[in-house]
Structure formats: C-alpha cells, structure tokens
Amino acid sequence: GINAEYGRRDVTELGEYTQWQGYRRLPYWGSPEANTINGTEGLFFQPFLSKGQEVTTFVDDLFRANPMEWIGEEVVKTIPTYKYKIPTYVMRNATNNPLNHGFYAYGPDGLMNLTSCVMAPVFASKPSFMDAEPWLLEEVEGLPPVNTTTMDTNIWVNPLTGVLVSAKKQLQVNLMLTQNIIFPGFSGLRESGPRFVPVGQIIETGGLDDALVAQFHDKVFRPQTILTVSVWVVFALFNVCWIALLAQALILAGAHRAEDREPIIPAEEREEENGEEKVYEVPIDVSAEATENVYQSL
C-alpha cells in the first residue's frame, strides 16, 4: 500500500510518501539516503512554490525518489505554471556525483542502474541517451537524434496551489549485454566493455482536462481576483479618506494661524510694553487749506 502526508502538521509535507508498496524504507539500494521514501506521487505538491525551488516525485518505474529541477515559467491550458525536468546531476555516475553511490551508478553517465530492483541487467535512461555519454548513442543504430525540447521528462505545476497541470514522463529501457560463453559469437559487442541496447520506452502523459481547468478557474482564480480587486478598492478608499483628512487638517491649521496672528494696531494707539509711557502720534494735515487756516489764526 501507499501512505502519504496530508499536510496537517506541515503544509510543506503535503502529499509526501511515508510508505510505498508496504515499505517504510526501500530494500533495493546501497545507502540509507537512497532507501529513503520521500517525494509525492506527482499529482500535487506543497502550495506557494518559489522560483528555483526543486520538487521531488517518487517514480515507481525507477524504484526511487527523484528530484525535479525548476527551469522556468509557462502558461499551460490558461493556467500559470512552473516547469520542471529531471536534473542532469541525477544522471551522473558515482564518480561524477558521489551521492549516486547508493544507487549503484557505476556505469557511464546517463544511466540509472535498476539491476538490484528487477534482478536483471536493466538500465533506465532518457530517450536517445540524452544527458548520457555520447558513445552510448553512437553505438546504436535507429534511434532519433536527441531533442532536449521534446524528449525530456517534464511536469508543469501551478505554484500557488501546488497542483499538477500537465506532465510527460519519457524513459528509455536498456539491457546491458556483455560477451560471455553462452553467446561467444554475438556480433557488435564492445571488447572493452558492455553494450547498452534499448529494448523499450515508457511514455506517459497526463494533467487537467478541460472540465478540471474550468473548475480550477472557478475555485482558485475567481476568488483570487475578487480578493485582489477588494484589496485595491480598500486601498483606494483609504487613500481618498487620507487625502480628505489631510486637506481638512491643512484648512483648519490655516484658520488657526489667522486667528492667532496679532492685529495691526494703528501707530497713534501703540503702547510701549513693560509699563513705559504711551506714545501717541498725531497726524498732521499739510494740505493748502489747512495751512491757510493756520495763518489766519495767527
């Protein structure tokens, strides 16, 4: 059976496997880290994913957890997504990536050794030995040239909810052949080592159908849009109220300054402060009529 976390204690553990096929730890690999069961089924991941963050899936066909590398943003079926792929370092042998010692990666780069899982010399790779050593493809006739755009395993995940929107898994199954006494005359085998012969491919696709996309928009995007609009409306009202209060405060401040300003006292009524005598200035009429009156009075 399969058990998974529901994210009640920690939302980052949502969907993480805790048990697979009755195992709490895998029995196939050569290190505790390699035998650890983690990752999700791949249908959903933790919400609120960030750019550059890896996600982990548990791949049944590979009998192991497999990290997926963030490679960019894409809109898929009108839904914004993050796109992921199997990182190159996962395909490195133990010499180039010591972490793969536990997965018995002692062959060339680009192969995943499944011998301990299926009890046969079976190795998985990407189609046409993509991300593998060049001689693996050169020794096989009939395989199409590598196309990094169409041949890789990819998943597209909505970062807000962690829901898988689309997925395409592409793996090549290879059989390791060596010269031995049973087939001494087997032509084409390398004298210096084994030959890896493709015997099949695993291609699986999936994702949200049109009905689920419509439901996703209705349940996720519509409330999100309403919330966004509501926030902007509240923000705009707050700004309007703040501007109105500021204007009112400025008007009141101006009125108070006008009231507090000292009145202009005519010069003839000015009085010195601190008990000093009053000084009055009498206006003098220097008009011609006033001057004539003064002469007549003399």
C-alpha atoms as a PDB file:
ATOM      1  CA  GLY A   1       0.000   0.000   0.000  1.00  0.00           C
ATOM      2  CA  ILE A   2       0.866   3.671  -0.207  1.00  0.00           C
ATOM      3  CA  ASN A   3       0.606   6.177   2.631  1.00  0.00           C
ATOM      4  CA  ALA A   4       1.089   9.904   2.228  1.00  0.00           C
ATOM      5  CA  GLU A   5       1.090  13.014   4.398  1.00  0.00           C
ATOM      6  CA  TYR A   6      -1.969  15.267   4.405  1.00  0.00           C
ATOM      7  CA  GLY A   7      -0.067  18.392   5.407  1.00  0.00           C
ATOM      8  CA  ARG A   8      -1.900  18.892   8.697  1.00  0.00           C
ATOM      9  CA  ARG A   9       1.279  19.347  10.737  1.00  0.00           C
ATOM     10  CA  ASP A  10       3.383  20.916   7.987  1.00  0.00           C
ATOM     11  CA  VAL A  11       1.987  22.092   4.675  1.00  0.00           C
ATOM     12  CA  THR A  12       5.380  21.552   3.011  1.00  0.00           C
ATOM     13  CA  GLU A  13       4.894  17.800   3.543  1.00  0.00           C
ATOM     14  CA  LEU A  14       1.588  17.706   1.666  1.00  0.00           C
ATOM     15  CA  GLY A  15       1.390  14.548  -0.451  1.00  0.00           C
ATOM     16  CA  GLU A  16       4.790  13.216   0.670  1.00  0.00           C
ATOM     17  CA  TYR A  17       5.023   9.430   0.649  1.00  0.00           C
ATOM     18  CA  THR A  18       5.642   7.790   4.005  1.00  0.00           C
ATOM     19  CA  GLN A  19       5.121   4.228   2.766  1.00  0.00           C
ATOM     20  CA  TRP A  20       5.338   2.580  -0.659  1.00  0.00           C
ATOM     21  CA  GLN A  21       4.298  -0.962  -1.544  1.00  0.00           C
ATOM     22  CA  GLY A  22       4.263  -1.758   2.169  1.00  0.00           C
ATOM     23  CA  TYR A  23       7.834  -0.490   2.675  1.00  0.00           C
ATOM     24  CA  ARG A  24       8.740   2.341   5.006  1.00  0.00           C
ATOM     25  CA  ARG A  25      12.281   2.082   3.718  1.00  0.00           C
ATOM     26  CA  LEU A  26      13.258   0.707   0.335  1.00  0.00           C
ATOM     27  CA  PRO A  27      15.165  -2.606   0.236  1.00  0.00           C
ATOM     28  CA  TYR A  28      16.864  -2.079  -3.131  1.00  0.00           C
ATOM     29  CA  TRP A  29      19.668   0.418  -2.672  1.00  0.00           C
ATOM     30  CA  GLY A  30      23.041   0.654  -1.006  1.00  0.00           C
ATOM     31  CA  SER A  31      22.696   3.586   1.383  1.00  0.00           C
ATOM     32  CA  PRO A  32      20.157   4.886   3.918  1.00  0.00           C
ATOM     33  CA  GLU A  33      19.700   8.056   1.875  1.00  0.00           C
ATOM     34  CA  ALA A  34      18.956   6.118  -1.308  1.00  0.00           C
ATOM     35  CA  ASN A  35      16.466   3.864   0.514  1.00  0.00           C
ATOM     36  CA  THR A  36      14.554   6.810   1.990  1.00  0.00           C
ATOM     37  CA  ILE A  37      10.953   7.045   0.795  1.00  0.00           C
ATOM     38  CA  ASN A  38      10.038  10.640   0.040  1.00  0.00           C
ATOM     39  CA  GLY A  39       8.510  12.750  -2.685  1.00  0.00           C
ATOM     40  CA  THR A  40       4.914  12.851  -3.870  1.00  0.00           C
ATOM     41  CA  GLU A  41       3.009  10.837  -6.416  1.00  0.00           C
ATOM     42  CA  GLY A  42       3.400  13.821  -8.700  1.00  0.00           C
ATOM     43  CA  LEU A  43      -0.257  14.872  -8.815  1.00  0.00           C
ATOM     44  CA  PHE A  44       0.241  17.701  -6.339  1.00  0.00           C
ATOM     45  CA  PHE A  45       2.962  19.321  -4.270  1.00  0.00           C
ATOM     46  CA  GLN A  46       3.182  21.833  -1.455  1.00  0.00           C
ATOM     47  CA  PRO A  47       1.486  25.171  -2.204  1.00  0.00           C
ATOM     48  CA  PHE A  48       3.262  28.508  -2.626  1.00  0.00           C
ATOM     49  CA  LEU A  49       6.226  27.166  -4.578  1.00  0.00           C
ATOM     50  CA  SER A  50       9.017  29.635  -5.285  1.00  0.00           C
ATOM     51  CA  LYS A  51      11.146  30.062  -8.372  1.00  0.00           C
ATOM     52  CA  GLY A  52      14.223  27.858  -8.374  1.00  0.00           C
ATOM     53  CA  GLN A  53      12.795  25.505  -5.756  1.00  0.00           C
ATOM     54  CA  GLU A  54      13.124  21.797  -6.532  1.00  0.00           C
ATOM     55  CA  VAL A  55      10.248  19.378  -6.047  1.00  0.00           C
ATOM     56  CA  THR A  56      10.524  15.629  -5.530  1.00  0.00           C
ATOM     57  CA  THR A  57       8.454  12.842  -7.042  1.00  0.00           C
ATOM     58  CA  PHE A  58       8.538   9.163  -6.245  1.00  0.00           C
ATOM     59  CA  VAL A  59       8.876   7.334  -9.574  1.00  0.00           C
ATOM     60  CA  ASP A  60       7.533   3.785  -9.430  1.00  0.00           C
ATOM     61  CA  ASP A  61       9.323   2.773 -12.630  1.00  0.00           C
ATOM     62  CA  LEU A  62      12.674   3.771 -11.121  1.00  0.00           C
ATOM     63  CA  PHE A  63      12.004   2.428  -7.614  1.00  0.00           C
ATOM     64  CA  ARG A  64      13.232   5.664  -6.084  1.00  0.00           C
ATOM     65  CA  ALA A  65      12.551   9.279  -5.234  1.00  0.00           C
ATOM     66  CA  ASN A  66      13.589  11.633  -7.972  1.00  0.00           C
ATOM     67  CA  PRO A  67      14.168  15.401  -7.677  1.00  0.00           C
ATOM     68  CA  MET A  68      12.799  17.697 -10.369  1.00  0.00           C
ATOM     69  CA  GLU A  69      14.636  20.881 -11.304  1.00  0.00           C
ATOM     70  CA  TRP A  70      12.874  24.220 -11.878  1.00  0.00           C
ATOM     71  CA  ILE A  71      13.613  25.501 -15.386  1.00  0.00           C
ATOM     72  CA  GLY A  72      11.123  28.318 -15.981  1.00  0.00           C
ATOM     73  CA  GLU A  73       7.572  29.618 -16.164  1.00  0.00           C
ATOM     74  CA  GLU A  74       4.926  28.698 -18.736  1.00  0.00           C
ATOM     75  CA  VAL A  75       1.209  29.202 -19.175  1.00  0.00           C
ATOM     76  CA  VAL A  76      -0.387  25.790 -19.765  1.00  0.00           C
ATOM     77  CA  LYS A  77      -4.108  25.482 -20.512  1.00  0.00           C
ATOM     78  CA  THR A  78      -4.532  29.148 -19.440  1.00  0.00           C
ATOM     79  CA  ILE A  79      -3.006  28.364 -16.018  1.00  0.00           C
ATOM     80  CA  PRO A  80       0.347  29.837 -14.942  1.00  0.00           C
ATOM     81  CA  THR A  81       2.819  27.067 -14.103  1.00  0.00           C
ATOM     82  CA  TYR A  82       6.404  26.314 -13.193  1.00  0.00           C
ATOM     83  CA  LYS A  83       8.137  23.840 -15.492  1.00  0.00           C
ATOM     84  CA  TYR A  84      10.451  21.144 -14.126  1.00  0.00           C
ATOM     85  CA  LYS A  85      12.712  18.451 -15.545  1.00  0.00           C
ATOM     86  CA  ILE A  86      14.964  15.644 -14.312  1.00  0.00           C
ATOM     87  CA  PRO A  87      18.244  17.409 -13.469  1.00  0.00           C
ATOM     88  CA  THR A  88      21.449  16.351 -15.170  1.00  0.00           C
ATOM     89  CA  TYR A  89      23.242  15.574 -11.901  1.00  0.00           C
ATOM     90  CA  VAL A  90      20.758  12.758 -11.220  1.00  0.00           C
ATOM     91  CA  MET A  91      22.004  11.022 -14.369  1.00  0.00           C
ATOM     92  CA  ARG A  92      25.694  11.239 -13.415  1.00  0.00           C
ATOM     93  CA  ASN A  93      27.616   8.163 -12.320  1.00  0.00           C
ATOM     94  CA  ALA A  94      29.073   7.790  -8.828  1.00  0.00           C
ATOM     95  CA  THR A  95      32.440   9.169  -9.916  1.00  0.00           C
ATOM     96  CA  ASN A  96      30.930  12.451 -11.068  1.00  0.00           C
ATOM     97  CA  ASN A  97      28.209  12.543  -8.411  1.00  0.00           C
ATOM     98  CA  PRO A  98      29.191  10.722  -5.178  1.00  0.00           C
ATOM     99  CA  LEU A  99      25.571  10.854  -3.979  1.00  0.00           C
ATOM    100  CA  ASN A 100      24.776   8.204  -6.602  1.00  0.00           C
ATOM    101  CA  HIS A 101      26.980   5.589  -4.923  1.00  0.00           C
ATOM    102  CA  GLY A 102      23.877   4.440  -3.097  1.00  0.00           C
ATOM    103  CA  PHE A 103      22.130   3.827  -6.418  1.00  0.00           C
ATOM    104  CA  TYR A 104      24.984   1.663  -7.731  1.00  0.00           C
ATOM    105  CA  ALA A 105      25.680   4.162 -10.518  1.00  0.00           C
ATOM    106  CA  TYR A 106      28.988   2.603 -11.552  1.00  0.00           C
ATOM    107  CA  GLY A 107      28.424   2.653 -15.306  1.00  0.00           C
ATOM    108  CA  PRO A 108      28.620   5.536 -17.776  1.00  0.00           C
ATOM    109  CA  ASP A 109      26.907   8.872 -17.225  1.00  0.00           C
ATOM    110  CA  GLY A 110      23.259   8.939 -18.234  1.00  0.00           C
ATOM    111  CA  LEU A 111      22.169   5.512 -16.968  1.00  0.00           C
ATOM    112  CA  MET A 112      20.162   4.501 -13.900  1.00  0.00           C
ATOM    113  CA  ASN A 113      21.055   1.031 -12.700  1.00  0.00           C
ATOM    114  CA  LEU A 114      17.896  -0.977 -11.904  1.00  0.00           C
ATOM    115  CA  THR A 115      19.638  -4.360 -11.603  1.00  0.00           C
ATOM    116  CA  SER A 116      19.081  -4.645  -7.850  1.00  0.00           C
ATOM    117  CA  CYS A 117      15.384  -3.830  -8.306  1.00  0.00           C
ATOM    118  CA  VAL A 118      14.417  -6.188 -11.140  1.00  0.00           C
ATOM    119  CA  MET A 119      17.180  -8.791 -10.723  1.00  0.00           C
ATOM    120  CA  ALA A 120      18.297  -8.337 -14.333  1.00  0.00           C
ATOM    121  CA  PRO A 121      20.890  -6.055 -16.055  1.00  0.00           C
ATOM    122  CA  VAL A 122      18.353  -3.343 -16.840  1.00  0.00           C
ATOM    123  CA  PHE A 123      19.300   0.331 -17.018  1.00  0.00           C
ATOM    124  CA  ALA A 124      16.970   3.302 -17.488  1.00  0.00           C
ATOM    125  CA  SER A 125      17.938   6.427 -19.397  1.00  0.00           C
ATOM    126  CA  LYS A 126      16.394   9.397 -21.086  1.00  0.00           C
ATOM    127  CA  PRO A 127      15.280   8.836 -24.706  1.00  0.00           C
ATOM    128  CA  SER A 128      18.149   8.514 -27.197  1.00  0.00           C
ATOM    129  CA  PHE A 129      20.563   8.536 -24.261  1.00  0.00           C
ATOM    130  CA  MET A 130      20.024  12.244 -23.701  1.00  0.00           C
ATOM    131  CA  ASP A 131      22.314  13.649 -20.957  1.00  0.00           C
ATOM    132  CA  ALA A 132      24.451  10.499 -21.295  1.00  0.00           C
ATOM    133  CA  GLU A 133      27.903   9.844 -22.648  1.00  0.00           C
ATOM    134  CA  PRO A 134      27.940  10.297 -26.460  1.00  0.00           C
ATOM    135  CA  TRP A 135      29.280   6.810 -27.279  1.00  0.00           C
ATOM    136  CA  LEU A 136      26.082   5.217 -25.934  1.00  0.00           C
ATOM    137  CA  LEU A 137      24.083   6.746 -28.787  1.00  0.00           C
ATOM    138  CA  GLU A 138      26.852   6.274 -31.343  1.00  0.00           C
ATOM    139  CA  GLU A 139      26.842   2.511 -30.817  1.00  0.00           C
ATOM    140  CA  VAL A 140      23.125   2.132 -31.519  1.00  0.00           C
ATOM    141  CA  GLU A 141      21.521   2.472 -34.920  1.00  0.00           C
ATOM    142  CA  GLY A 142      17.973   3.634 -35.489  1.00  0.00           C
ATOM    143  CA  LEU A 143      17.497   5.990 -32.552  1.00  0.00           C
ATOM    144  CA  PRO A 144      16.346   9.537 -33.374  1.00  0.00           C
ATOM    145  CA  PRO A 145      18.731  12.398 -32.624  1.00  0.00           C
ATOM    146  CA  VAL A 146      18.496  13.995 -29.228  1.00  0.00           C
ATOM    147  CA  ASN A 147      15.925  16.771 -28.885  1.00  0.00           C
ATOM    148  CA  THR A 148      16.123  18.412 -25.473  1.00  0.00           C
ATOM    149  CA  THR A 149      12.820  20.226 -26.044  1.00  0.00           C
ATOM    150  CA  THR A 150      10.616  17.218 -26.749  1.00  0.00           C
ATOM    151  CA  MET A 151      12.403  14.202 -25.248  1.00  0.00           C
ATOM    152  CA  ASP A 152      12.803  15.105 -21.585  1.00  0.00           C
ATOM    153  CA  THR A 153      10.527  14.233 -18.692  1.00  0.00           C
ATOM    154  CA  ASN A 154       8.674  17.388 -17.652  1.00  0.00           C
ATOM    155  CA  ILE A 155       5.980  18.418 -15.231  1.00  0.00           C
ATOM    156  CA  TRP A 156       4.075  21.709 -15.086  1.00  0.00           C
ATOM    157  CA  VAL A 157       2.858  22.742 -11.644  1.00  0.00           C
ATOM    158  CA  ASN A 158       0.749  25.710 -10.574  1.00  0.00           C
ATOM    159  CA  PRO A 159       2.956  27.417  -7.947  1.00  0.00           C
ATOM    160  CA  LEU A 160       0.087  28.899  -5.930  1.00  0.00           C
ATOM    161  CA  THR A 161      -1.723  25.629  -5.230  1.00  0.00           C
ATOM    162  CA  GLY A 162       0.945  23.019  -5.997  1.00  0.00           C
ATOM    163  CA  VAL A 163      -1.478  21.239  -8.351  1.00  0.00           C
ATOM    164  CA  LEU A 164      -0.064  19.359 -11.337  1.00  0.00           C
ATOM    165  CA  VAL A 165      -1.416  20.910 -14.538  1.00  0.00           C
ATOM    166  CA  SER A 166       0.390  18.742 -17.072  1.00  0.00           C
ATOM    167  CA  ALA A 167       3.043  16.029 -17.144  1.00  0.00           C
ATOM    168  CA  LYS A 168       5.020  13.972 -19.622  1.00  0.00           C
ATOM    169  CA  LYS A 169       7.256  11.117 -18.488  1.00  0.00           C
ATOM    170  CA  GLN A 170       9.703   9.698 -21.046  1.00  0.00           C
ATOM    171  CA  LEU A 171      12.168   6.951 -20.158  1.00  0.00           C
ATOM    172  CA  GLN A 172      14.164   4.507 -22.249  1.00  0.00           C
ATOM    173  CA  VAL A 173      14.726   0.953 -21.007  1.00  0.00           C
ATOM    174  CA  ASN A 174      18.107  -0.554 -21.892  1.00  0.00           C
ATOM    175  CA  LEU A 175      19.552  -4.020 -21.496  1.00  0.00           C
ATOM    176  CA  MET A 176      23.253  -4.428 -20.741  1.00  0.00           C
ATOM    177  CA  LEU A 177      24.918  -7.074 -22.927  1.00  0.00           C
ATOM    178  CA  THR A 178      28.396  -8.482 -22.415  1.00  0.00           C
ATOM    179  CA  GLN A 179      30.459 -11.107 -24.174  1.00  0.00           C
ATOM    180  CA  ASN A 180      30.220 -14.485 -22.444  1.00  0.00           C
ATOM    181  CA  ILE A 181      30.494 -18.170 -23.112  1.00  0.00           C
ATOM    182  CA  ILE A 182      26.782 -18.502 -23.866  1.00  0.00           C
ATOM    183  CA  PHE A 183      26.916 -16.065 -26.805  1.00  0.00           C
ATOM    184  CA  PRO A 184      30.598 -16.056 -27.820  1.00  0.00           C
ATOM    185  CA  GLY A 185      29.881 -15.001 -31.372  1.00  0.00           C
ATOM    186  CA  PHE A 186      27.419 -12.196 -30.603  1.00  0.00           C
ATOM    187  CA  SER A 187      28.419  -9.567 -33.158  1.00  0.00           C
ATOM    188  CA  GLY A 188      28.748  -5.901 -32.369  1.00  0.00           C
ATOM    189  CA  LEU A 189      29.684  -6.187 -28.709  1.00  0.00           C
ATOM    190  CA  ARG A 190      32.435  -3.940 -27.462  1.00  0.00           C
ATOM    191  CA  GLU A 191      35.517  -5.877 -26.473  1.00  0.00           C
ATOM    192  CA  SER A 192      36.421  -3.220 -23.933  1.00  0.00           C
ATOM    193  CA  GLY A 193      33.135  -3.366 -22.050  1.00  0.00           C
ATOM    194  CA  PRO A 194      29.377  -3.945 -22.130  1.00  0.00           C
ATOM    195  CA  ARG A 195      26.942  -2.584 -24.631  1.00  0.00           C
ATOM    196  CA  PHE A 196      23.632  -0.999 -23.642  1.00  0.00           C
ATOM    197  CA  VAL A 197      20.856  -1.842 -26.066  1.00  0.00           C
ATOM    198  CA  PRO A 198      17.484  -0.049 -25.970  1.00  0.00           C
ATOM    199  CA  VAL A 199      14.617  -2.535 -25.645  1.00  0.00           C
ATOM    200  CA  GLY A 200      11.682  -0.227 -24.994  1.00  0.00           C
ATOM    201  CA  GLN A 201      10.330   3.141 -23.926  1.00  0.00           C
ATOM    202  CA  ILE A 202       7.983   4.336 -21.214  1.00  0.00           C
ATOM    203  CA  ILE A 203       5.912   7.343 -22.278  1.00  0.00           C
ATOM    204  CA  GLU A 204       3.140   8.605 -20.030  1.00  0.00           C
ATOM    205  CA  THR A 205       1.211  11.873 -20.245  1.00  0.00           C
ATOM    206  CA  GLY A 206      -1.442  13.374 -18.022  1.00  0.00           C
ATOM    207  CA  GLY A 207      -2.842  16.514 -16.485  1.00  0.00           C
ATOM    208  CA  LEU A 208      -6.000  18.512 -16.007  1.00  0.00           C
ATOM    209  CA  ASP A 209      -8.745  18.077 -18.600  1.00  0.00           C
ATOM    210  CA  ASP A 210     -10.953  20.959 -19.774  1.00  0.00           C
ATOM    211  CA  ALA A 211     -13.550  20.373 -17.063  1.00  0.00           C
ATOM    212  CA  LEU A 212     -10.936  20.452 -14.323  1.00  0.00           C
ATOM    213  CA  VAL A 213      -9.336  23.556 -15.833  1.00  0.00           C
ATOM    214  CA  ALA A 214     -12.736  25.309 -15.717  1.00  0.00           C
ATOM    215  CA  GLN A 215     -13.202  24.159 -12.124  1.00  0.00           C
ATOM    216  CA  PHE A 216      -9.696  25.350 -11.255  1.00  0.00           C
ATOM    217  CA  HIS A 217     -10.507  28.821 -12.610  1.00  0.00           C
ATOM    218  CA  ASP A 218     -13.801  28.878 -10.704  1.00  0.00           C
ATOM    219  CA  LYS A 219     -12.385  27.692  -7.384  1.00  0.00           C
ATOM    220  CA  VAL A 220      -8.968  29.366  -7.447  1.00  0.00           C
ATOM    221  CA  PHE A 221      -8.705  32.274  -9.855  1.00  0.00           C
ATOM    222  CA  ARG A 222     -12.150  33.808  -9.313  1.00  0.00           C
ATOM    223  CA  PRO A 223     -11.782  34.137  -5.514  1.00  0.00           C
ATOM    224  CA  GLN A 224      -8.225  35.342  -6.051  1.00  0.00           C
ATOM    225  CA  THR A 225      -9.445  38.008  -8.497  1.00  0.00           C
ATOM    226  CA  ILE A 226     -12.224  39.091  -6.149  1.00  0.00           C
ATOM    227  CA  LEU A 227      -9.769  39.317  -3.274  1.00  0.00           C
ATOM    228  CA  THR A 228      -7.286  41.314  -5.364  1.00  0.00           C
ATOM    229  CA  VAL A 229      -9.958  43.757  -6.533  1.00  0.00           C
ATOM    230  CA  SER A 230     -11.273  44.118  -2.971  1.00  0.00           C
ATOM    231  CA  VAL A 231      -7.808  44.920  -1.679  1.00  0.00           C
ATOM    232  CA  TRP A 232      -7.302  47.588  -4.335  1.00  0.00           C
ATOM    233  CA  VAL A 233     -10.735  49.109  -3.637  1.00  0.00           C
ATOM    234  CA  VAL A 234      -9.987  49.287   0.091  1.00  0.00           C
ATOM    235  CA  PHE A 235      -6.573  50.766  -0.683  1.00  0.00           C
ATOM    236  CA  ALA A 236      -8.120  53.412  -2.957  1.00  0.00           C
ATOM    237  CA  LEU A 237     -10.768  54.334  -0.360  1.00  0.00           C
ATOM    238  CA  PHE A 238      -8.095  54.586   2.293  1.00  0.00           C
ATOM    239  CA  ASN A 239      -6.101  56.974   0.100  1.00  0.00           C
ATOM    240  CA  VAL A 240      -9.178  59.112  -0.623  1.00  0.00           C
ATOM    241  CA  CYS A 241     -10.035  59.333   3.084  1.00  0.00           C
ATOM    242  CA  TRP A 242      -6.440  60.102   3.968  1.00  0.00           C
ATOM    243  CA  ILE A 243      -6.250  62.908   1.385  1.00  0.00           C
ATOM    244  CA  ALA A 244      -9.556  64.341   2.590  1.00  0.00           C
ATOM    245  CA  LEU A 245      -8.411  64.319   6.217  1.00  0.00           C
ATOM    246  CA  LEU A 246      -5.104  65.887   5.233  1.00  0.00           C
ATOM    247  CA  ALA A 247      -6.880  68.655   3.303  1.00  0.00           C
ATOM    248  CA  GLN A 248      -9.222  69.319   6.225  1.00  0.00           C
ATOM    249  CA  ALA A 249      -6.289  69.435   8.624  1.00  0.00           C
ATOM    250  CA  LEU A 250      -4.488  71.954   6.422  1.00  0.00           C
ATOM    251  CA  ILE A 251      -7.614  74.149   6.213  1.00  0.00           C
ATOM    252  CA  LEU A 252      -8.070  74.083   9.991  1.00  0.00           C
ATOM    253  CA  ALA A 253      -4.408  74.836  10.558  1.00  0.00           C
ATOM    254  CA  GLY A 254      -4.660  77.845   8.262  1.00  0.00           C
ATOM    255  CA  ALA A 255      -7.732  79.123  10.119  1.00  0.00           C
ATOM    256  CA  HIS A 256      -5.976  78.801  13.496  1.00  0.00           C
ATOM    257  CA  ARG A 257      -2.959  80.696  12.204  1.00  0.00           C
ATOM    258  CA  ALA A 258      -5.227  83.513  11.037  1.00  0.00           C
ATOM    259  CA  GLU A 259      -6.884  83.747  14.475  1.00  0.00           C
ATOM    260  CA  ASP A 260      -3.590  83.673  16.351  1.00  0.00           C
ATOM    261  CA  ARG A 261      -1.974  86.395  14.235  1.00  0.00           C
ATOM    262  CA  GLU A 262      -1.588  89.756  16.210  1.00  0.00           C
ATOM    263  CA  PRO A 263      -3.889  92.518  14.970  1.00  0.00           C
ATOM    264  CA  ILE A 264      -2.301  95.563  13.343  1.00  0.00           C
ATOM    265  CA  ILE A 265      -2.522  98.439  15.855  1.00  0.00           C
ATOM    266  CA  PRO A 266      -2.581 101.990  14.432  1.00  0.00           C
ATOM    267  CA  ALA A 267       0.548 103.962  15.176  1.00  0.00           C
ATOM    268  CA  GLU A 268      -1.348 106.560  17.247  1.00  0.00           C
ATOM    269  CA  GLU A 269      -2.622 103.846  19.627  1.00  0.00           C
ATOM    270  CA  ARG A 270       0.642 101.903  20.038  1.00  0.00           C
ATOM    271  CA  GLU A 271       1.650 101.484  23.673  1.00  0.00           C
ATOM    272  CA  GLU A 272       5.041 100.521  24.886  1.00  0.00           C
ATOM    273  CA  GLU A 273       5.146  97.339  26.982  1.00  0.00           C
ATOM    274  CA  ASN A 274       6.633  96.846  30.451  1.00  0.00           C
ATOM    275  CA  GLY A 275       4.879  99.854  31.991  1.00  0.00           C
ATOM    276  CA  GLU A 276       6.588 102.535  29.879  1.00  0.00           C
ATOM    277  CA  GLU A 277       4.696 105.662  28.847  1.00  0.00           C
ATOM    278  CA  LYS A 278       2.317 105.720  25.987  1.00  0.00           C
ATOM    279  CA  VAL A 279       3.439 107.404  22.830  1.00  0.00           C
ATOM    280  CA  TYR A 280       0.847 108.903  20.533  1.00  0.00           C
ATOM    281  CA  GLU A 281       1.496 110.165  17.092  1.00  0.00           C
ATOM    282  CA  VAL A 282      -0.820 112.909  15.911  1.00  0.00           C
ATOM    283  CA  PRO A 283      -1.347 113.111  12.205  1.00  0.00           C
ATOM    284  CA  ILE A 284      -0.527 116.491  10.660  1.00  0.00           C
ATOM    285  CA  ASP A 285      -2.644 117.877   7.832  1.00  0.00           C
ATOM    286  CA  VAL A 286      -0.287 119.603   5.442  1.00  0.00           C
ATOM    287  CA  SER A 287      -2.852 120.464   2.794  1.00  0.00           C
ATOM    288  CA  ALA A 288      -3.068 124.032   1.418  1.00  0.00           C
ATOM    289  CA  GLU A 289      -6.431 124.693   3.079  1.00  0.00           C
ATOM    290  CA  ALA A 290      -5.113 123.623   6.464  1.00  0.00           C
ATOM    291  CA  THR A 291      -2.043 125.875   6.063  1.00  0.00           C
ATOM    292  CA  GLU A 292      -4.190 128.940   5.193  1.00  0.00           C
ATOM    293  CA  ASN A 293      -6.325 128.379   8.289  1.00  0.00           C
ATOM    294  CA  VAL A 294      -3.233 128.333  10.423  1.00  0.00           C
ATOM    295  CA  TYR A 295      -2.015 131.716   9.003  1.00  0.00           C
ATOM    296  CA  GLN A 296      -5.428 133.311   9.553  1.00  0.00           C
ATOM    297  CA  SER A 297      -5.459 132.169  13.162  1.00  0.00           C
ATOM    298  CA  LEU A 298      -2.149 133.964  13.682  1.00  0.00           C
END
